[in-house]
Amino acid sequence: MKRRDFLIGTAGIGLAAPLFSMLPAAAEDAAPEKPDLTLGVGGKPLLYYLPLTIAERKGFFKEEGLNVTINDFAGGSKSLQALIGGSVDVVTGAYEHTIRMQDKGQDITAVCDLGRFPGIVIAVRKDLAGEIKSVADLKGRKMGVTAPGSSTALMLQYALQKNGLKADDVAMIGIGGGASAVAAIKKGEIDGLSHLDPVIAQLQFEGDIAVLLDTRTEAGTRALFGGPNPAATVYVQRAFAEANPVTMQRTVNAFMKALKWISEAKPEDVAATVPEEYLLGNKDLYMQAFQNSKEMYSPDGMVTKEGYDSMMGVLKKLDPELANADVPYEKTFDPKFVQAAKT
């Protein structure tokens, strides 16, 4: 989920592209224009992207007449780069990418929300809990993030500023997304971390951390951001959706089926559905991680104006390039496919 390393200098493609043409009335009966679809993601095993895995494993893409090939990249920025380069058709990635790319003149828009909350947790080693009781106490500490420039780093920076600190008041250290992150805490290489499930769930399960801030829930998200903060979305080049409206509708249908399935699923249902390696050798731990994160999944696939305002506020505060950005909400999310979806 790296952000800006490749964004500078990208060409402004499709800035003046019109809004999506209306879907054909018989879209549900028409054949997809591009049934063989390539989808990019950065970190598929993360619970952040669980709706994608469910759509794949439960056969929802195939039900919609789609043959989806999933490319799992090292981070969200890589999948975004692949979309811009044309090697993938669709991406599941962070909503903020649509805002950043629209500001760069790239006509990329979200078509379905998957996560209404970031699902990121800021925590410290349990043995430091007596000294570090809030984010304001993190000055001078070493904090692990998935990677510099990632969503985990972005949220930590925002939390620091909101608590009267500067981003450089802590040392942010990239620790990866799996076993390496767990090891960094257990070995005492870092004082705390800003991270996601299942890493957080494992560290909690084994009593290694004390949580300072938790955006897996609505209460924790609103406490930090003042509103919802859209996270994982399905986004595309607007030109692709215009050229392939039936394919796009079928894709969104599959993700909406996945969201509905997740909303009704028990932890054991999820653990039985995902690949065995996602369980990290501990099925009970994975089920607990899902239970902890279940509230973050979108109930309706919609990015709300409130969520957009919240995200824009964060980006304007943290990124000087976006301080004066004027990116309309309507360019970052088109609700048409979600509104027409059949689950």
Foldseek 3Di string as FASTA:
>chain_A
DADDPPLPPDDQPCLVPDFFDDDDPCLQPDAFPAQEFEEEEECCLFPLNLLVLLLVLVVLSVVLSHRYDYDHHNHQVVRVVCQSVVVGFKYWWWLVNLVSSSLSNFLKAFAFFWFQWAQKFWKFWPVCCVQDVALLSCFAFEEEEQDPRHPLLLLNQLRQVVSPHHSVRYHYDNQHAPPSVLVCQVVVVGGIYIHHPPSVLVCVVVVTIDTHAGRLAQVRRCVRQVGTAGTITMMGRSVSCNVGVSSVLSVVLSSLVSLVCLLPDQLVVSLVRGDVVSCVPPSVSSSVRCVSNSNGTDNQRDCDPRNVVSNLVSCLVPPVSSVPGDDDPCSHYDHSSSVVHDD
